[in-house]
Amino acid sequence: MKSSGIAPVSARQLVASTGIVMVLYILSDVLGLARSVAITYQFGTSAEMDAYYAAFRVPDFIFNLLAGGALASAFIPPFTTLLAAGDTRGAWRLATQVINLVLAVTTAVCVVAFLFAEPFVAYLVAPGFAPAEQQLTAQLMRVMLLTPIIFSVSGIVMGILNAHQHFVLPAAAPSMYNIGIIFGALVLAPRWGVYGLALGVVVGALLHLLIQVPWLLRQKIPFTRSLGIRDAQVRHVVNLMIPRAVGNAAVQLNFWVNVFLASSLAVGSLAALNYAFLIMLLPQAVIAQAIGTVLFPTFARMVADGKMDDLRRAFSTVFRGVLFLSIPASVGLLLLRTPVIQVLFQRGDFTADSTAQTAFALQFFAIGLFAQSGLEILSRAFYAMHDTATPVRISIASVVLNILLSLILIQPLAHGGLALANSIATILEMLVLLFLLRPRLGGVDGRNLAASTLKMLMGAAAMTLAIGWFQMTALAQVPLFALLGGIVFGGGAYLLTMLVLQSDEIALALRLVRRGRE
């Protein structure tokens, strides 16, 4: 009998891995903030920044269409199944063939985009830009087209490590990406302007890959030259990936439409929209992505072993835990949006007007933060069951609604309308997926979920009152004190309310901490 390439994971190991990954995601977020501070200091909400973010859309679209989350969600379950069955050689053959195939296709698409950069920008990306700004956007896009090629390999490597329950290097990779962009903003940009920032993105992508390579080299992988087009396992990955890729394309299309629409708004609107979205993603990454990254291979292993009852219990517990953290994060970000931006960004070329533009969008993005976090766990539950089609269909419907709402809300709310449309569509997407998951798992512990959510909303109400009271004090007139005081008083009110209401999530957190120390 062949030995399995992976061993079962204990609860203690999961707690430890989740803790490590969350720390690394926090580090990545800190560096992400440093990256944004460096960029805003150098460029503010200028026309150059509008061009940079518009140029970023095409490489990002290619990456998310051909690799990114779509490839990882399709690759990990079959790869994990082969490892669990003890077919290590077959697992490595699948991995190397997928890398070859994705690398070849991504490179070909990037070459086409490079050749047709100008018409892409003029007609499809930012038709509202002036001709000079369109030319700048096209040139920046050409520089950053190297990144999807690099990330197409790095994404598969991350999936390989996660499937082996190695989370440290993949979780550290985003920090390396941020370091590369910071290098571009602080070292290259003073010499080459916004082109230096674009080069920093490429440097960051290389660092993202290289930090994971040492572990891979130690495995002495039997490399396969084939693209695996006729291989049944590769076809299985492709079949799983296609629906997810379509869903990712729809999501990226929505971002594309935002650029398209925002290009005709006031200068700086697109940059402000992107800054607000990045701020919203910071707590989402720590809360949901870290947990989802660690638990996805475990979800897939439960499905491979036929332990659907375990999957149901694990999903219910994790989903409630994510809501427990993300609901107060949504409220806090909404109420403290202005001091957050002032403390982080308002210096150099990022003026008070830039703060006002960004805060206007952030208030609408914050409404949907809890739903963005919940989707990270919901989608992984479907992917673990080898079902990439259901989340994709709902995602496409959500994107269509998002675009329709954007067209309606941009008139009264400008770039804030684009943010509000995103939040409304995301909340509805999360609710629909939760409803569809219930019969697949035989329930999602609905009573406990409803009771826990009600307690969280009561805690959020107490948090709102506490922050509102503090904002009327003299200390709150200083941005740093307003932010710190809001976090302390608001967070304290939320936790105290949860303790009084005897929240299951606090009790669970305490048990997990004790178990992790044992």
Protein backbone atom coordinates (compact mmCIF):
# COMPACT_ATOMS: atom_id res chain seq x y z
CA MET A 1 0.00 0.00 0.00
CA LYS A 2 1.29 3.45 -0.88
CA SER A 3 1.78 5.91 1.92
CA SER A 4 -0.13 9.15 1.86
CA GLY A 5 1.73 12.26 0.90
CA ILE A 6 -0.07 14.20 3.64
CA ALA A 7 -1.04 13.37 7.19
CA PRO A 8 -4.30 14.21 8.96
CA VAL A 9 -4.23 17.58 10.67
CA SER A 10 -5.13 17.93 14.34
CA ALA A 11 -7.20 20.77 15.77
CA ARG A 12 -4.10 21.99 17.59
CA GLN A 13 -2.16 22.16 14.32
CA LEU A 14 -5.02 24.06 12.67
CA VAL A 15 -5.11 26.59 15.51
CA ALA A 16 -1.33 27.04 15.37
CA SER A 17 -1.30 27.32 11.57
CA THR A 18 -4.18 29.80 11.58
CA GLY A 19 -2.41 31.90 14.20
CA ILE A 20 0.84 31.96 12.24
CA VAL A 21 -0.90 32.79 8.99
CA MET A 22 -2.94 35.56 10.63
CA VAL A 23 0.27 37.09 12.01
CA LEU A 24 1.85 36.96 8.55
CA TYR A 25 -1.28 38.44 6.99
CA ILE A 26 -1.15 41.23 9.56
CA LEU A 27 2.50 41.79 8.62
CA SER A 28 1.46 41.88 4.98
CA ASP A 29 -1.27 44.38 5.83
CA VAL A 30 1.21 46.57 7.69
CA LEU A 31 3.50 46.50 4.67
CA GLY A 32 0.48 47.09 2.45
CA LEU A 33 -0.26 50.20 4.47
CA ALA A 34 3.36 51.27 4.18
CA ARG A 35 3.09 50.69 0.42
CA SER A 36 -0.03 52.84 0.20
CA VAL A 37 1.52 55.54 2.38
CA ALA A 38 4.59 55.64 0.13
CA ILE A 39 2.44 55.82 -3.01
CA THR A 40 0.07 58.47 -1.67
CA TYR A 41 2.99 60.57 -0.42
CA GLN A 42 4.59 60.53 -3.85
CA PHE A 43 1.51 60.85 -6.04
CA GLY A 44 -1.63 61.62 -3.96
CA THR A 45 -4.82 61.44 -6.04
CA SER A 46 -3.17 62.80 -9.17
CA ALA A 47 -3.83 62.06 -12.84
CA GLU A 48 -0.70 59.86 -12.79
CA MET A 49 -2.33 57.69 -10.12
CA ASP A 50 -5.51 57.43 -12.17
CA ALA A 51 -3.36 56.21 -15.08
CA TYR A 52 -1.47 53.76 -12.84
CA TYR A 53 -4.63 52.14 -11.46
CA ALA A 54 -6.22 52.01 -14.90
CA ALA A 55 -3.08 50.37 -16.32
CA PHE A 56 -3.09 47.83 -13.50
CA ARG A 57 -6.52 46.54 -14.53
CA VAL A 58 -5.41 44.65 -17.68
CA PRO A 59 -2.55 42.63 -16.08
CA ASP A 60 -4.78 41.98 -13.08
CA PHE A 61 -7.59 40.82 -15.36
CA ILE A 62 -5.26 38.39 -17.18
CA PHE A 63 -3.90 36.99 -13.93
CA ASN A 64 -7.34 36.47 -12.38
CA LEU A 65 -8.73 34.97 -15.58
CA LEU A 66 -5.94 32.46 -16.23
CA ALA A 67 -4.44 31.87 -12.79
CA GLY A 68 -5.12 33.49 -9.44
CA GLY A 69 -7.83 32.17 -7.17
CA ALA A 70 -9.51 30.27 -10.00
CA LEU A 71 -6.49 28.05 -10.57
CA ALA A 72 -5.78 27.51 -6.87
CA SER A 73 -9.38 26.54 -6.10
CA ALA A 74 -9.40 24.09 -9.03
CA PHE A 75 -5.90 22.69 -8.44
CA ILE A 76 -5.83 22.03 -4.68
CA PRO A 77 -8.71 19.48 -4.40
CA PRO A 78 -7.41 17.09 -7.15
CA PHE A 79 -3.81 17.56 -5.99
CA THR A 80 -4.84 16.87 -2.39
CA THR A 81 -6.82 13.79 -3.47
CA LEU A 82 -3.74 12.33 -5.19
CA LEU A 83 -1.58 12.99 -2.14
CA ALA A 84 -4.19 11.48 0.20
CA ALA A 85 -4.26 8.36 -1.99
CA GLY A 86 -0.48 8.05 -1.73
CA ASP A 87 0.13 8.83 -5.42
CA THR A 88 2.91 11.34 -4.84
CA ARG A 89 4.43 10.90 -8.31
CA GLY A 90 1.04 11.49 -9.92
CA ALA A 91 0.52 14.60 -7.79
CA TRP A 92 3.86 16.08 -8.89
CA ARG A 93 3.15 15.20 -12.52
CA LEU A 94 -0.14 17.06 -12.25
CA ALA A 95 1.52 20.08 -10.62
CA THR A 96 4.30 20.46 -13.20
CA GLN A 97 1.97 19.96 -16.16
CA VAL A 98 -0.43 22.59 -14.82
CA ILE A 99 2.46 25.03 -14.32
CA ASN A 100 3.64 24.46 -17.91
CA LEU A 101 0.17 24.90 -19.36
CA VAL A 102 -0.76 28.03 -17.42
CA LEU A 103 2.65 29.62 -18.04
CA ALA A 104 2.36 29.07 -21.80
CA VAL A 105 -1.18 30.40 -22.08
CA THR A 106 -0.56 33.42 -19.82
CA THR A 107 2.57 34.41 -21.74
CA ALA A 108 0.74 34.25 -25.07
CA VAL A 109 -2.12 36.43 -23.79
CA CYS A 110 0.29 38.97 -22.29
CA VAL A 111 2.14 39.28 -25.61
CA VAL A 112 -1.15 40.10 -27.38
CA ALA A 113 -2.05 42.67 -24.73
CA PHE A 114 1.42 44.22 -25.05
CA LEU A 115 1.03 44.64 -28.81
CA PHE A 116 -2.45 46.18 -28.60
CA ALA A 117 -2.01 48.27 -25.44
CA GLU A 118 -3.00 51.63 -26.98
CA PRO A 119 -6.36 50.58 -28.47
CA PHE A 120 -7.15 48.57 -25.31
CA VAL A 121 -6.76 51.71 -23.21
CA ALA A 122 -8.42 54.12 -25.65
CA TYR A 123 -11.53 52.06 -26.33
CA LEU A 124 -11.94 49.54 -23.50
CA VAL A 125 -10.17 50.70 -20.35
CA ALA A 126 -10.26 54.49 -19.95
CA PRO A 127 -11.92 56.27 -22.88
CA GLY A 128 -12.60 59.28 -20.64
CA PHE A 129 -8.89 60.02 -20.16
CA ALA A 130 -7.16 62.73 -22.16
CA PRO A 131 -4.90 61.39 -24.98
CA ALA A 132 -1.69 62.00 -23.01
CA GLU A 133 -3.10 60.16 -20.01
CA GLN A 134 -4.18 57.28 -22.25
CA GLN A 135 -0.65 57.02 -23.65
CA LEU A 136 0.80 56.95 -20.13
CA THR A 137 -1.67 54.25 -19.14
CA ALA A 138 -0.68 52.08 -22.12
CA GLN A 139 3.04 52.37 -21.34
CA LEU A 140 2.51 51.52 -17.67
CA MET A 141 0.38 48.56 -18.68
CA ARG A 142 3.17 47.19 -20.88
CA VAL A 143 5.60 47.28 -17.95
CA MET A 144 3.21 45.51 -15.58
CA LEU A 145 2.26 42.78 -18.07
CA LEU A 146 5.25 40.82 -16.76
CA THR A 147 3.45 40.27 -13.46
CA PRO A 148 0.72 37.82 -14.62
CA ILE A 149 3.41 35.57 -16.11
CA ILE A 150 5.29 35.47 -12.81
CA PHE A 151 2.17 35.09 -10.69
CA SER A 152 0.88 32.23 -12.84
CA VAL A 153 3.77 30.12 -11.52
CA SER A 154 3.75 31.56 -8.01
CA GLY A 155 0.03 30.83 -7.57
CA ILE A 156 0.50 27.12 -8.29
CA VAL A 157 3.47 26.96 -5.95
CA MET A 158 1.33 28.47 -3.20
CA GLY A 159 -1.30 25.79 -3.80
CA ILE A 160 1.31 23.04 -3.60
CA LEU A 161 2.65 24.30 -0.28
CA ASN A 162 -0.82 24.79 1.20
CA ALA A 163 -1.83 21.26 0.19
CA HIS A 164 1.20 20.00 2.15
CA GLN A 165 0.03 22.06 5.17
CA HIS A 166 2.96 24.47 4.72
CA PHE A 167 1.49 27.94 5.14
CA VAL A 168 4.34 30.17 6.30
CA LEU A 169 6.09 30.88 2.99
CA PRO A 170 2.86 31.36 0.98
CA ALA A 171 1.54 33.67 3.68
CA ALA A 172 4.83 35.61 3.65
CA ALA A 173 4.76 35.99 -0.15
CA PRO A 174 2.30 38.96 -0.17
CA SER A 175 4.66 40.80 2.18
CA MET A 176 7.46 40.37 -0.34
CA TYR A 177 5.17 41.71 -3.06
CA ASN A 178 4.49 44.80 -0.93
CA ILE A 179 8.20 45.25 -0.27
CA GLY A 180 8.85 45.30 -4.01
CA ILE A 181 6.23 48.00 -4.57
CA ILE A 182 7.55 50.04 -1.63
CA PHE A 183 11.00 49.81 -3.23
CA GLY A 184 9.50 51.10 -6.47
CA ALA A 185 7.71 53.99 -4.74
CA LEU A 186 10.63 55.13 -2.56
CA VAL A 187 13.70 54.28 -4.66
CA LEU A 188 12.64 54.03 -8.31
CA ALA A 189 9.80 56.58 -8.45
CA PRO A 190 11.93 59.61 -7.43
CA ARG A 191 14.10 58.89 -10.49
CA TRP A 192 11.60 57.56 -13.03
CA GLY A 193 8.28 58.83 -11.72
CA VAL A 194 5.25 56.57 -11.99
CA TYR A 195 7.22 54.24 -14.28
CA GLY A 196 9.40 53.42 -11.27
CA LEU A 197 6.28 52.46 -9.36
CA ALA A 198 5.25 50.11 -12.17
CA LEU A 199 8.71 48.52 -12.13
CA GLY A 200 8.31 48.04 -8.39
CA VAL A 201 5.19 45.95 -9.08
CA VAL A 202 7.29 43.63 -11.25
CA VAL A 203 10.02 43.41 -8.58
CA GLY A 204 7.35 42.55 -6.01
CA ALA A 205 5.95 39.77 -8.19
CA LEU A 206 9.43 38.24 -8.53
CA LEU A 207 9.95 38.35 -4.76
CA HIS A 208 6.50 36.78 -4.29
CA LEU A 209 7.67 33.76 -6.28
CA LEU A 210 11.28 33.54 -5.11
CA ILE A 211 10.49 33.34 -1.40
CA GLN A 212 8.62 30.07 -2.02
CA VAL A 213 11.20 28.45 -4.29
CA PRO A 214 13.58 27.10 -1.57
CA TRP A 215 10.94 24.70 -0.19
CA LEU A 216 10.07 23.56 -3.70
CA LEU A 217 13.71 22.85 -4.60
CA ARG A 218 14.15 20.68 -1.52
CA GLN A 219 11.39 18.34 -2.72
CA LYS A 220 13.44 17.15 -5.72
CA ILE A 221 10.33 17.19 -7.88
CA PRO A 222 10.33 14.95 -10.99
CA PHE A 223 9.69 17.66 -13.57
CA THR A 224 7.41 16.87 -16.52
CA ARG A 225 7.93 18.76 -19.78
CA SER A 226 4.45 18.07 -21.11
CA LEU A 227 1.59 20.59 -21.06
CA GLY A 228 -0.67 17.72 -20.04
CA ILE A 229 -3.39 18.58 -22.53
CA ARG A 230 -4.35 14.91 -22.87
CA ASP A 231 -3.83 14.05 -19.20
CA ALA A 232 -7.11 13.20 -17.42
CA GLN A 233 -6.06 14.90 -14.18
CA VAL A 234 -5.04 18.10 -15.95
CA ARG A 235 -8.34 18.10 -17.81
CA HIS A 236 -10.10 17.70 -14.48
CA VAL A 237 -8.31 20.78 -13.14
CA VAL A 238 -9.19 22.72 -16.30
CA ASN A 239 -12.83 21.63 -16.07
CA LEU A 240 -12.97 22.76 -12.45
CA MET A 241 -11.16 25.97 -13.31
CA ILE A 242 -13.28 27.11 -16.26
CA PRO A 243 -16.41 28.03 -14.25
CA ARG A 244 -14.29 29.77 -11.62
CA ALA A 245 -12.32 31.60 -14.31
CA VAL A 246 -15.57 32.78 -15.86
CA GLY A 247 -16.64 34.04 -12.45
CA ASN A 248 -13.31 35.80 -11.94
CA ALA A 249 -13.63 37.33 -15.40
CA ALA A 250 -17.04 38.66 -14.42
CA VAL A 251 -15.63 40.17 -11.22
CA GLN A 252 -12.73 41.71 -13.11
CA LEU A 253 -15.19 43.01 -15.69
CA ASN A 254 -16.92 44.82 -12.86
CA PHE A 255 -13.62 46.45 -11.83
CA TRP A 256 -13.05 47.26 -15.48
CA VAL A 257 -16.45 48.94 -15.72
CA ASN A 258 -15.56 50.97 -12.61
CA VAL A 259 -12.41 52.23 -14.35
CA PHE A 260 -14.39 52.89 -17.52
CA LEU A 261 -17.01 54.92 -15.65
CA ALA A 262 -14.63 56.66 -13.25
CA SER A 263 -12.39 57.82 -16.11
CA SER A 264 -15.04 60.43 -16.95
CA LEU A 265 -15.34 61.72 -13.35
CA ALA A 266 -13.22 64.37 -11.61
CA VAL A 267 -9.46 63.86 -11.56
CA GLY A 268 -8.49 61.65 -8.64
CA SER A 269 -11.81 59.78 -8.45
CA LEU A 270 -10.33 56.50 -9.67
CA ALA A 271 -7.35 56.76 -7.32
CA ALA A 272 -9.64 57.56 -4.36
CA LEU A 273 -11.87 54.60 -5.22
CA ASN A 274 -8.87 52.27 -5.28
CA TYR A 275 -7.43 53.62 -2.01
CA ALA A 276 -10.79 53.09 -0.30
CA PHE A 277 -11.08 49.56 -1.65
CA LEU A 278 -7.57 48.71 -0.47
CA ILE A 279 -8.33 49.98 3.03
CA MET A 280 -11.49 47.86 3.13
CA LEU A 281 -9.50 44.78 2.09
CA LEU A 282 -6.99 45.12 4.97
CA PRO A 283 -9.24 43.73 7.73
CA GLN A 284 -10.84 41.32 5.25
CA ALA A 285 -7.44 39.76 4.51
CA VAL A 286 -6.61 39.25 8.20
CA ILE A 287 -10.08 38.02 9.18
CA ALA A 288 -11.17 35.86 6.27
CA GLN A 289 -8.32 35.16 3.87
CA ALA A 290 -5.99 33.91 6.60
CA ILE A 291 -8.62 31.56 8.02
CA GLY A 292 -9.80 30.45 4.58
CA THR A 293 -6.25 29.78 3.38
CA VAL A 294 -5.53 27.43 6.27
CA LEU A 295 -8.90 25.66 6.28
CA PHE A 296 -9.41 25.14 2.54
CA PRO A 297 -7.03 22.13 2.27
CA THR A 298 -8.68 20.71 5.40
CA PHE A 299 -12.14 21.18 3.88
CA ALA A 300 -10.90 19.41 0.74
CA ARG A 301 -9.43 16.57 2.83
CA MET A 302 -12.76 16.13 4.66
CA VAL A 303 -14.55 15.80 1.32
CA ALA A 304 -11.91 13.36 0.01
CA ASP A 305 -12.39 11.23 3.14
CA GLY A 306 -16.20 11.42 2.91
CA LYS A 307 -16.53 13.22 6.27
CA MET A 308 -19.40 15.55 5.32
CA ASP A 309 -20.67 15.84 8.89
CA ASP A 310 -17.26 17.14 9.94
CA LEU A 311 -17.33 19.60 7.05
CA ARG A 312 -20.77 20.87 8.08
CA ARG A 313 -19.67 21.45 11.67
CA ALA A 314 -16.38 23.02 10.65
CA PHE A 315 -18.03 25.39 8.17
CA SER A 316 -20.68 26.52 10.66
CA THR A 317 -18.12 27.26 13.35
CA VAL A 318 -15.72 29.07 11.03
CA PHE A 319 -18.42 31.11 9.29
CA ARG A 320 -19.82 32.36 12.59
CA GLY A 321 -16.30 33.17 13.73
CA VAL A 322 -15.66 35.23 10.62
CA LEU A 323 -18.90 37.17 11.10
CA PHE A 324 -18.00 37.71 14.76
CA LEU A 325 -14.86 39.55 13.65
CA SER A 326 -16.02 41.17 10.41
CA ILE A 327 -19.29 42.78 11.57
CA PRO A 328 -17.56 45.07 14.12
CA ALA A 329 -14.81 45.68 11.56
CA SER A 330 -17.46 46.92 9.11
CA VAL A 331 -18.98 49.24 11.71
CA GLY A 332 -15.62 50.52 12.90
CA LEU A 333 -14.38 51.25 9.40
CA LEU A 334 -17.61 53.07 8.57
CA LEU A 335 -17.54 55.29 11.66
CA LEU A 336 -13.77 55.89 11.77
CA ARG A 337 -13.16 56.23 8.03
CA THR A 338 -11.92 59.83 8.11
CA PRO A 339 -9.36 59.50 10.94
CA VAL A 340 -8.18 56.19 9.41
CA ILE A 341 -7.37 57.93 6.13
CA GLN A 342 -5.95 61.03 7.82
CA VAL A 343 -3.57 59.00 9.98
CA LEU A 344 -2.50 56.69 7.18
CA PHE A 345 -2.30 58.89 4.12
CA GLN A 346 -2.77 62.62 4.66
CA ARG A 347 0.74 63.92 4.02
CA GLY A 348 2.86 64.93 1.03
CA ASP A 349 0.72 65.11 -2.12
CA PHE A 350 -2.23 63.47 -0.37
CA THR A 351 -4.22 66.51 0.73
CA ALA A 352 -7.38 67.08 2.78
CA ASP A 353 -9.33 66.98 -0.49
CA SER A 354 -7.80 63.55 -1.21
CA THR A 355 -8.95 62.41 2.25
CA ALA A 356 -12.48 63.64 1.58
CA GLN A 357 -12.60 61.86 -1.81
CA THR A 358 -11.35 58.59 -0.32
CA ALA A 359 -13.55 58.73 2.79
CA PHE A 360 -16.63 59.28 0.64
CA ALA A 361 -16.00 55.98 -1.14
CA LEU A 362 -14.82 54.11 1.96
CA GLN A 363 -18.08 54.64 3.85
CA PHE A 364 -19.92 52.69 1.15
CA PHE A 365 -17.28 49.95 0.84
CA ALA A 366 -17.32 49.45 4.63
CA ILE A 367 -20.99 48.44 4.51
CA GLY A 368 -20.07 45.30 2.58
CA LEU A 369 -16.91 44.29 4.48
CA PHE A 370 -18.63 41.54 6.46
CA ALA A 371 -20.06 40.06 3.25
CA GLN A 372 -16.69 40.15 1.50
CA SER A 373 -15.29 38.19 4.46
CA GLY A 374 -18.15 35.69 4.53
CA LEU A 375 -17.73 34.95 0.82
CA GLU A 376 -14.15 33.80 1.43
CA ILE A 377 -15.43 30.92 3.58
CA LEU A 378 -18.58 30.16 1.58
CA SER A 379 -16.78 29.85 -1.73
CA ARG A 380 -14.12 27.56 -0.26
CA ALA A 381 -16.80 25.21 1.06
CA PHE A 382 -18.14 24.82 -2.50
CA TYR A 383 -14.66 24.46 -4.01
CA ALA A 384 -13.74 21.76 -1.50
CA MET A 385 -16.73 19.76 -2.82
CA HIS A 386 -15.33 20.16 -6.36
CA ASP A 387 -18.20 22.53 -7.18
CA THR A 388 -16.84 25.65 -8.82
CA ALA A 389 -19.93 26.19 -10.97
CA THR A 390 -22.43 27.25 -8.28
CA PRO A 391 -20.36 30.11 -6.80
CA VAL A 392 -19.54 31.26 -10.32
CA ARG A 393 -23.16 31.46 -11.45
CA ILE A 394 -24.04 33.50 -8.40
CA SER A 395 -20.94 35.65 -8.84
CA ILE A 396 -21.89 36.45 -12.44
CA ALA A 397 -25.40 37.42 -11.35
CA SER A 398 -23.86 39.59 -8.62
CA VAL A 399 -21.59 41.31 -11.13
CA VAL A 400 -24.48 42.04 -13.48
CA LEU A 401 -26.39 43.57 -10.57
CA ASN A 402 -23.28 45.48 -9.53
CA ILE A 403 -22.85 46.98 -12.99
CA LEU A 404 -26.54 47.94 -13.22
CA LEU A 405 -26.42 49.57 -9.79
CA SER A 406 -23.18 51.36 -10.73
CA LEU A 407 -24.84 52.90 -13.78
CA ILE A 408 -27.72 54.07 -11.59
CA LEU A 409 -25.82 55.24 -8.51
CA ILE A 410 -22.93 57.00 -10.26
CA GLN A 411 -25.24 59.87 -11.15
CA PRO A 412 -26.16 60.98 -7.61
CA LEU A 413 -23.08 59.64 -5.77
CA ALA A 414 -20.20 59.82 -8.32
CA HIS A 415 -17.42 57.37 -7.35
CA GLY A 416 -19.22 56.68 -4.06
CA GLY A 417 -22.04 55.15 -6.09
CA LEU A 418 -19.60 52.60 -7.53
CA ALA A 419 -18.58 51.59 -3.99
CA LEU A 420 -22.19 51.33 -2.79
CA ALA A 421 -23.13 49.18 -5.78
CA ASN A 422 -20.31 46.79 -4.91
CA SER A 423 -21.45 46.44 -1.29
CA ILE A 424 -25.11 45.83 -2.13
CA ALA A 425 -24.27 43.18 -4.71
CA THR A 426 -21.76 41.48 -2.39
CA ILE A 427 -24.22 41.24 0.51
CA LEU A 428 -26.86 39.66 -1.73
CA GLU A 429 -24.26 37.25 -3.18
CA MET A 430 -23.28 36.06 0.29
CA LEU A 431 -26.90 35.48 1.34
CA VAL A 432 -27.73 33.52 -1.83
CA LEU A 433 -24.65 31.29 -1.52
CA LEU A 434 -25.44 30.58 2.12
CA PHE A 435 -28.98 29.57 1.13
CA LEU A 436 -27.68 27.26 -1.62
CA LEU A 437 -25.08 25.66 0.64
CA ARG A 438 -27.64 24.50 3.21
CA PRO A 439 -28.97 21.47 1.28
CA ARG A 440 -25.43 20.52 0.14
CA LEU A 441 -24.23 20.21 3.74
CA GLY A 442 -27.48 19.03 5.25
CA GLY A 443 -27.86 22.37 7.04
CA VAL A 444 -25.58 25.13 8.29
CA ASP A 445 -26.68 25.16 11.94
CA GLY A 446 -29.15 27.92 11.11
CA ARG A 447 -30.53 28.47 14.62
CA ASN A 448 -27.13 29.05 16.16
CA LEU A 449 -26.11 31.18 13.19
CA ALA A 450 -29.20 33.39 13.56
CA ALA A 451 -28.81 33.66 17.34
CA SER A 452 -25.10 34.49 17.06
CA THR A 453 -25.70 37.09 14.35
CA LEU A 454 -28.37 38.80 16.47
CA LYS A 455 -25.91 39.05 19.36
CA MET A 456 -23.26 40.45 17.01
CA LEU A 457 -25.67 43.12 15.76
CA MET A 458 -26.47 44.09 19.35
CA GLY A 459 -22.76 44.32 20.01
CA ALA A 460 -22.33 46.45 16.88
CA ALA A 461 -25.08 48.79 18.14
CA ALA A 462 -23.27 49.19 21.46
CA MET A 463 -20.07 49.81 19.53
CA THR A 464 -21.76 52.55 17.47
CA LEU A 465 -22.99 54.33 20.61
CA ALA A 466 -19.55 54.15 22.22
CA ILE A 467 -17.75 55.54 19.17
CA GLY A 468 -20.41 58.23 18.74
CA TRP A 469 -19.94 59.32 22.35
CA PHE A 470 -16.17 59.46 22.02
CA GLN A 471 -16.33 61.45 18.79
CA MET A 472 -18.05 64.27 20.72
CA THR A 473 -15.09 64.67 23.09
CA ALA A 474 -12.21 67.10 22.64
CA LEU A 475 -9.66 64.30 22.19
CA ALA A 476 -11.47 63.10 19.08
CA GLN A 477 -10.59 66.34 17.29
CA VAL A 478 -7.04 65.01 16.85
CA PRO A 479 -7.06 62.35 14.09
CA LEU A 480 -4.70 59.90 15.84
CA PHE A 481 -6.62 60.12 19.13
CA ALA A 482 -9.91 59.86 17.27
CA LEU A 483 -8.75 56.62 15.66
CA LEU A 484 -7.18 55.03 18.74
CA GLY A 485 -9.99 56.11 21.05
CA GLY A 486 -12.62 54.85 18.62
CA ILE A 487 -10.90 51.46 18.44
CA VAL A 488 -10.53 51.18 22.22
CA PHE A 489 -14.00 52.36 23.22
CA GLY A 490 -15.81 50.82 20.26
CA GLY A 491 -14.00 47.49 20.45
CA GLY A 492 -14.39 47.41 24.22
CA ALA A 493 -18.13 48.02 23.98
CA TYR A 494 -18.49 45.23 21.42
CA LEU A 495 -16.52 42.68 23.44
CA LEU A 496 -18.27 43.61 26.69
CA THR A 497 -21.66 43.18 25.04
CA MET A 498 -20.63 39.79 23.67
CA LEU A 499 -19.49 38.69 27.12
CA VAL A 500 -22.75 39.83 28.72
CA LEU A 501 -24.75 38.01 26.03
CA GLN A 502 -22.57 34.89 26.51
CA SER A 503 -21.48 34.73 22.89
CA ASP A 504 -20.55 31.23 21.70
CA GLU A 505 -17.77 32.69 19.57
CA ILE A 506 -15.92 34.18 22.55
CA ALA A 507 -16.20 30.89 24.41
CA LEU A 508 -14.91 29.03 21.35
CA ALA A 509 -11.99 31.46 20.92
CA LEU A 510 -10.94 30.94 24.53
CA ARG A 511 -11.12 27.15 24.13
CA LEU A 512 -9.04 27.26 20.96
CA VAL A 513 -6.41 29.44 22.59
CA ARG A 514 -6.14 27.02 25.51
CA ARG A 515 -5.97 24.06 23.13
CA GLY A 516 -3.28 25.77 21.04
CA ARG A 517 -1.14 26.16 24.18
CA GLU A 518 -1.48 22.51 25.22
